[in-house]
Amino acid sequence: MSAQAIPSIVLAQAADTASSLMSMAPIVLMFVVLYFLMIRPQMKRQKEHKALLAALAKGDEVICAGGVLGTVSKVSDSYVTVQISEHGTAPIEIVLQKASVATVLPKGTIKAL
């Protein structure tokens, strides 16, 4: 191997390394875009929902995941008792997992329906 051939081999190897890095650039760019368009907003929604569940209190009007509307009558660590109606003077209540609460409504929304 001559001394003149060595620089051309080094340049060829450098070009291969650069081209392999450039071929990976679209994949890396795709993951960055995926993170900012899908993963980060989902994490933000989860954080907001967790704060909503932590702030649940007696008297809050809620919509549950199944579409049930009601007023919170009791809150425990992982369960919520929701009053959905009254039968005479006795309230009709159901017990739900806290995670099934989808939204807290403004006060008076249920009476307005």
C-alpha atoms as a PDB file:
ATOM      1  CA  MET A   1       0.000   0.000   0.000  1.00  0.00           C
ATOM      2  CA  SER A   2       1.493   3.318  -0.982  1.00  0.00           C
ATOM      3  CA  ALA A   3       1.518   6.524   1.016  1.00  0.00           C
ATOM      4  CA  GLN A   4      -0.665   8.171  -1.620  1.00  0.00           C
ATOM      5  CA  ALA A   5      -3.509   5.629  -1.204  1.00  0.00           C
ATOM      6  CA  ILE A   6      -3.861   6.085   2.595  1.00  0.00           C
ATOM      7  CA  PRO A   7      -5.457   9.577   2.498  1.00  0.00           C
ATOM      8  CA  SER A   8      -8.035   8.406  -0.046  1.00  0.00           C
ATOM      9  CA  ILE A   9      -8.996   5.446   2.200  1.00  0.00           C
ATOM     10  CA  VAL A  10      -9.367   7.736   5.239  1.00  0.00           C
ATOM     11  CA  LEU A  11     -11.580  10.117   3.245  1.00  0.00           C
ATOM     12  CA  ALA A  12     -13.748   7.224   2.042  1.00  0.00           C
ATOM     13  CA  GLN A  13     -14.249   5.993   5.620  1.00  0.00           C
ATOM     14  CA  ALA A  14     -15.118   9.526   6.791  1.00  0.00           C
ATOM     15  CA  ALA A  15     -17.693   9.820   4.005  1.00  0.00           C
ATOM     16  CA  ASP A  16     -19.270   6.481   5.033  1.00  0.00           C
ATOM     17  CA  THR A  17     -19.553   7.660   8.664  1.00  0.00           C
ATOM     18  CA  ALA A  18     -21.145  10.950   7.619  1.00  0.00           C
ATOM     19  CA  SER A  19     -23.615   9.235   5.316  1.00  0.00           C
ATOM     20  CA  SER A  20     -24.642   6.753   8.011  1.00  0.00           C
ATOM     21  CA  LEU A  21     -25.279   9.610  10.444  1.00  0.00           C
ATOM     22  CA  MET A  22     -27.321  11.438   7.822  1.00  0.00           C
ATOM     23  CA  SER A  23     -29.385   8.318   7.156  1.00  0.00           C
ATOM     24  CA  MET A  24     -30.306   8.163  10.856  1.00  0.00           C
ATOM     25  CA  ALA A  25     -31.285  11.853  11.016  1.00  0.00           C
ATOM     26  CA  PRO A  26     -34.871  11.348   9.719  1.00  0.00           C
ATOM     27  CA  ILE A  27     -35.517   8.636  12.303  1.00  0.00           C
ATOM     28  CA  VAL A  28     -34.249  10.825  15.128  1.00  0.00           C
ATOM     29  CA  LEU A  29     -36.282  13.753  13.813  1.00  0.00           C
ATOM     30  CA  MET A  30     -39.371  11.539  13.682  1.00  0.00           C
ATOM     31  CA  PHE A  31     -38.986  10.577  17.353  1.00  0.00           C
ATOM     32  CA  VAL A  32     -38.522  14.211  18.369  1.00  0.00           C
ATOM     33  CA  VAL A  33     -41.685  15.219  16.509  1.00  0.00           C
ATOM     34  CA  LEU A  34     -43.553  12.241  18.000  1.00  0.00           C
ATOM     35  CA  TYR A  35     -42.514  13.313  21.484  1.00  0.00           C
ATOM     36  CA  PHE A  36     -43.715  16.901  21.080  1.00  0.00           C
ATOM     37  CA  LEU A  37     -46.945  16.062  19.235  1.00  0.00           C
ATOM     38  CA  MET A  38     -48.129  12.981  21.128  1.00  0.00           C
ATOM     39  CA  ILE A  39     -46.235  12.040  24.265  1.00  0.00           C
ATOM     40  CA  ARG A  40     -45.805  15.451  25.901  1.00  0.00           C
ATOM     41  CA  PRO A  41     -49.481  16.543  25.530  1.00  0.00           C
ATOM     42  CA  GLN A  42     -50.645  13.183  26.931  1.00  0.00           C
ATOM     43  CA  MET A  43     -48.385  13.590  29.947  1.00  0.00           C
ATOM     44  CA  LYS A  44     -49.797  17.093  30.463  1.00  0.00           C
ATOM     45  CA  ARG A  45     -53.387  15.755  30.348  1.00  0.00           C
ATOM     46  CA  GLN A  46     -52.512  13.019  32.850  1.00  0.00           C
ATOM     47  CA  LYS A  47     -51.022  15.594  35.207  1.00  0.00           C
ATOM     48  CA  GLU A  48     -54.144  17.794  34.939  1.00  0.00           C
ATOM     49  CA  HIS A  49     -56.451  14.794  35.552  1.00  0.00           C
ATOM     50  CA  LYS A  50     -54.424  13.772  38.593  1.00  0.00           C
ATOM     51  CA  ALA A  51     -54.768  17.315  39.990  1.00  0.00           C
ATOM     52  CA  LEU A  52     -58.516  17.232  39.262  1.00  0.00           C
ATOM     53  CA  LEU A  53     -58.883  13.977  41.207  1.00  0.00           C
ATOM     54  CA  ALA A  54     -56.837  15.297  44.121  1.00  0.00           C
ATOM     55  CA  ALA A  55     -59.082  18.373  44.335  1.00  0.00           C
ATOM     56  CA  LEU A  56     -62.394  16.446  44.409  1.00  0.00           C
ATOM     57  CA  ALA A  57     -64.547  17.476  47.344  1.00  0.00           C
ATOM     58  CA  LYS A  58     -68.035  16.852  48.668  1.00  0.00           C
ATOM     59  CA  GLY A  59     -70.615  18.809  46.693  1.00  0.00           C
ATOM     60  CA  ASP A  60     -68.708  18.861  43.386  1.00  0.00           C
ATOM     61  CA  GLU A  61     -70.800  18.066  40.322  1.00  0.00           C
ATOM     62  CA  VAL A  62     -69.050  15.533  38.103  1.00  0.00           C
ATOM     63  CA  ILE A  63     -69.355  13.585  34.869  1.00  0.00           C
ATOM     64  CA  CYS A  64     -68.029  10.040  35.072  1.00  0.00           C
ATOM     65  CA  ALA A  65     -66.402   8.043  32.274  1.00  0.00           C
ATOM     66  CA  GLY A  66     -69.675   6.222  31.554  1.00  0.00           C
ATOM     67  CA  GLY A  67     -71.570   9.497  31.127  1.00  0.00           C
ATOM     68  CA  VAL A  68     -73.185   9.448  34.573  1.00  0.00           C
ATOM     69  CA  LEU A  69     -73.864  12.910  36.026  1.00  0.00           C
ATOM     70  CA  GLY A  70     -74.003  13.368  39.767  1.00  0.00           C
ATOM     71  CA  THR A  71     -72.942  15.198  42.883  1.00  0.00           C
ATOM     72  CA  VAL A  72     -70.067  13.920  45.008  1.00  0.00           C
ATOM     73  CA  SER A  73     -71.344  12.962  48.460  1.00  0.00           C
ATOM     74  CA  LYS A  74     -68.272  11.215  49.869  1.00  0.00           C
ATOM     75  CA  VAL A  75     -64.587  11.011  48.881  1.00  0.00           C
ATOM     76  CA  SER A  76     -62.115   8.369  50.034  1.00  0.00           C
ATOM     77  CA  ASP A  77     -58.585   7.526  48.903  1.00  0.00           C
ATOM     78  CA  SER A  78     -59.513   5.614  45.766  1.00  0.00           C
ATOM     79  CA  TYR A  79     -63.333   5.727  45.640  1.00  0.00           C
ATOM     80  CA  VAL A  80     -65.976   8.424  45.260  1.00  0.00           C
ATOM     81  CA  THR A  81     -69.638   8.146  46.229  1.00  0.00           C
ATOM     82  CA  VAL A  82     -71.808  10.028  43.743  1.00  0.00           C
ATOM     83  CA  GLN A  83     -75.451  10.912  44.302  1.00  0.00           C
ATOM     84  CA  ILE A  84     -77.190  10.521  40.959  1.00  0.00           C
ATOM     85  CA  SER A  85     -80.821  11.019  41.956  1.00  0.00           C
ATOM     86  CA  GLU A  86     -83.342  10.986  44.801  1.00  0.00           C
ATOM     87  CA  HIS A  87     -86.173   8.542  45.331  1.00  0.00           C
ATOM     88  CA  GLY A  88     -88.578  10.253  47.632  1.00  0.00           C
ATOM     89  CA  THR A  89     -86.359  11.457  50.458  1.00  0.00           C
ATOM     90  CA  ALA A  90     -83.679   8.779  50.053  1.00  0.00           C
ATOM     91  CA  PRO A  91     -80.721   9.640  47.817  1.00  0.00           C
ATOM     92  CA  ILE A  92     -79.624   7.157  45.163  1.00  0.00           C
ATOM     93  CA  GLU A  93     -75.853   6.850  45.330  1.00  0.00           C
ATOM     94  CA  ILE A  94     -73.262   4.860  43.449  1.00  0.00           C
ATOM     95  CA  VAL A  95     -69.657   4.148  44.375  1.00  0.00           C
ATOM     96  CA  LEU A  96     -67.089   4.754  41.644  1.00  0.00           C
ATOM     97  CA  GLN A  97     -63.342   4.641  41.362  1.00  0.00           C
ATOM     98  CA  LYS A  98     -61.799   8.096  41.424  1.00  0.00           C
ATOM     99  CA  ALA A  99     -60.127   7.475  38.072  1.00  0.00           C
ATOM    100  CA  SER A 100     -63.543   7.171  36.406  1.00  0.00           C
ATOM    101  CA  VAL A 101     -64.341  10.839  37.101  1.00  0.00           C
ATOM    102  CA  ALA A 102     -63.865  12.576  33.765  1.00  0.00           C
ATOM    103  CA  THR A 103     -64.816  16.206  34.458  1.00  0.00           C
ATOM    104  CA  VAL A 104     -65.851  18.474  37.293  1.00  0.00           C
ATOM    105  CA  LEU A 105     -68.762  20.684  36.263  1.00  0.00           C
ATOM    106  CA  PRO A 106     -69.502  24.220  37.455  1.00  0.00           C
ATOM    107  CA  LYS A 107     -71.942  24.409  40.383  1.00  0.00           C
ATOM    108  CA  GLY A 108     -75.610  24.370  39.339  1.00  0.00           C
ATOM    109  CA  THR A 109     -75.051  22.615  36.007  1.00  0.00           C
ATOM    110  CA  ILE A 110     -77.087  19.535  36.915  1.00  0.00           C
ATOM    111  CA  LYS A 111     -80.071  21.583  38.134  1.00  0.00           C
ATOM    112  CA  ALA A 112     -79.987  23.557  34.882  1.00  0.00           C
ATOM    113  CA  LEU A 113     -80.455  20.367  32.874  1.00  0.00           C
END
